[in-house]
């Protein structure tokens, strides 16, 4: 018995052997890479007054969606964040919902 065997290390070492014994092929999960909506549509300026453009990036709780969920590139995420915060200041977008 090795030093790390049986310590609950995620069970990854044993899974491979079990699948090979059954004869089934391993499935790999392929996740398609999300493209930035603003890059695809070639939108340079994200305006704080365009609430219809900002709304999909603010869920019902009122938080700003992170990049990994929204699929926006880093440059546009920063611009989107500034636009949402400015729209909140002049009450176009709520800070939180009830």
Protein backbone atom coordinates (compact mmCIF):
# COMPACT_ATOMS: atom_id res chain seq x y z
CA UNK A 1 0.00 0.00 0.00
CA UNK A 2 1.42 3.36 -1.01
CA UNK A 3 1.57 6.46 1.12
CA UNK A 4 -1.48 8.17 -0.41
CA UNK A 5 -3.70 5.15 -1.04
CA UNK A 6 -6.97 5.16 0.85
CA UNK A 7 -6.83 8.79 1.94
CA UNK A 8 -9.82 9.97 -0.07
CA UNK A 9 -7.91 11.74 -2.83
CA UNK A 10 -10.93 12.08 -5.09
CA UNK A 11 -11.06 8.46 -6.25
CA UNK A 12 -9.51 9.28 -9.60
CA UNK A 13 -6.88 6.57 -9.65
CA UNK A 14 -9.41 3.76 -9.28
CA UNK A 15 -11.96 5.06 -11.78
CA UNK A 16 -9.76 4.38 -14.79
CA UNK A 17 -9.34 0.70 -13.96
CA UNK A 18 -13.08 0.21 -13.38
CA UNK A 19 -13.99 1.67 -16.77
CA UNK A 20 -11.42 -0.47 -18.57
CA UNK A 21 -12.76 -3.65 -16.97
CA UNK A 22 -16.30 -2.92 -18.15
CA UNK A 23 -15.11 -2.42 -21.71
CA UNK A 24 -16.86 0.93 -22.10
CA UNK A 25 -15.15 3.84 -23.78
CA UNK A 26 -14.44 6.93 -21.72
CA UNK A 27 -16.52 9.93 -22.66
CA UNK A 28 -14.91 13.31 -22.78
CA UNK A 29 -17.11 16.30 -22.18
CA UNK A 30 -16.60 18.88 -24.91
CA UNK A 31 -17.59 22.39 -23.96
CA UNK A 32 -17.81 24.85 -26.81
CA UNK A 33 -15.90 28.04 -26.19
CA UNK A 34 -18.13 31.07 -25.78
CA UNK A 35 -17.51 34.02 -28.01
CA UNK A 36 -17.72 37.58 -26.80
CA UNK A 37 -21.03 39.08 -27.91
CA UNK A 38 -19.46 42.52 -28.32
CA UNK A 39 -16.52 41.24 -30.39
CA UNK A 40 -18.78 39.22 -32.68
CA UNK A 41 -21.18 42.13 -33.27
CA UNK A 42 -18.24 44.61 -33.41
CA UNK A 43 -19.63 46.88 -30.70
CA UNK A 44 -16.89 49.28 -29.61
CA UNK A 45 -18.73 51.45 -27.12
CA UNK A 46 -20.95 50.05 -24.38
CA UNK A 47 -23.20 52.93 -23.34
CA UNK A 48 -24.68 53.17 -19.86
CA UNK A 49 -27.96 54.52 -21.25
CA UNK A 50 -28.62 51.40 -23.34
CA UNK A 51 -30.47 49.35 -20.72
CA UNK A 52 -31.56 46.70 -23.25
CA UNK A 53 -27.90 45.95 -23.95
CA UNK A 54 -26.96 45.78 -20.26
CA UNK A 55 -29.96 43.76 -19.04
CA UNK A 56 -28.76 40.26 -20.09
CA UNK A 57 -25.60 40.73 -17.99
CA UNK A 58 -27.52 41.53 -14.81
CA UNK A 59 -29.47 38.57 -13.38
CA UNK A 60 -32.61 39.04 -11.28
CA UNK A 61 -30.56 39.47 -8.08
CA UNK A 62 -28.96 42.59 -9.56
CA UNK A 63 -25.35 41.41 -9.53
CA UNK A 64 -22.99 41.76 -12.47
CA UNK A 65 -22.39 38.38 -14.12
CA UNK A 66 -18.77 37.19 -14.12
CA UNK A 67 -16.85 36.69 -17.33
CA UNK A 68 -16.81 32.91 -17.14
CA UNK A 69 -20.62 32.84 -17.12
CA UNK A 70 -21.42 35.70 -19.50
CA UNK A 71 -18.71 34.75 -22.04
CA UNK A 72 -17.53 38.32 -22.53
CA UNK A 73 -13.85 39.04 -23.16
CA UNK A 74 -11.80 40.88 -20.52
CA UNK A 75 -11.75 44.22 -22.35
CA UNK A 76 -15.49 44.30 -22.83
CA UNK A 77 -16.17 42.97 -19.32
CA UNK A 78 -14.38 46.01 -17.86
CA UNK A 79 -16.35 48.38 -20.12
CA UNK A 80 -19.58 46.54 -19.26
CA UNK A 81 -18.85 46.83 -15.54
CA UNK A 82 -18.32 50.60 -15.79
CA UNK A 83 -21.49 51.01 -17.86
CA UNK A 84 -23.59 49.02 -15.38
CA UNK A 85 -22.24 50.99 -12.43
CA UNK A 86 -22.96 54.31 -14.17
CA UNK A 87 -26.48 53.15 -15.09
CA UNK A 88 -27.05 52.23 -11.44
CA UNK A 89 -25.97 55.68 -10.27
CA UNK A 90 -28.58 57.44 -12.35
CA UNK A 91 -31.23 54.79 -11.50
CA UNK A 92 -31.58 53.18 -14.92
CA UNK A 93 -30.61 49.79 -13.47
CA UNK A 94 -31.41 48.70 -9.90
CA UNK A 95 -28.67 47.89 -7.39
CA UNK A 96 -30.70 45.03 -5.91
CA UNK A 97 -34.19 43.60 -6.27
CA UNK A 98 -36.68 43.08 -3.48
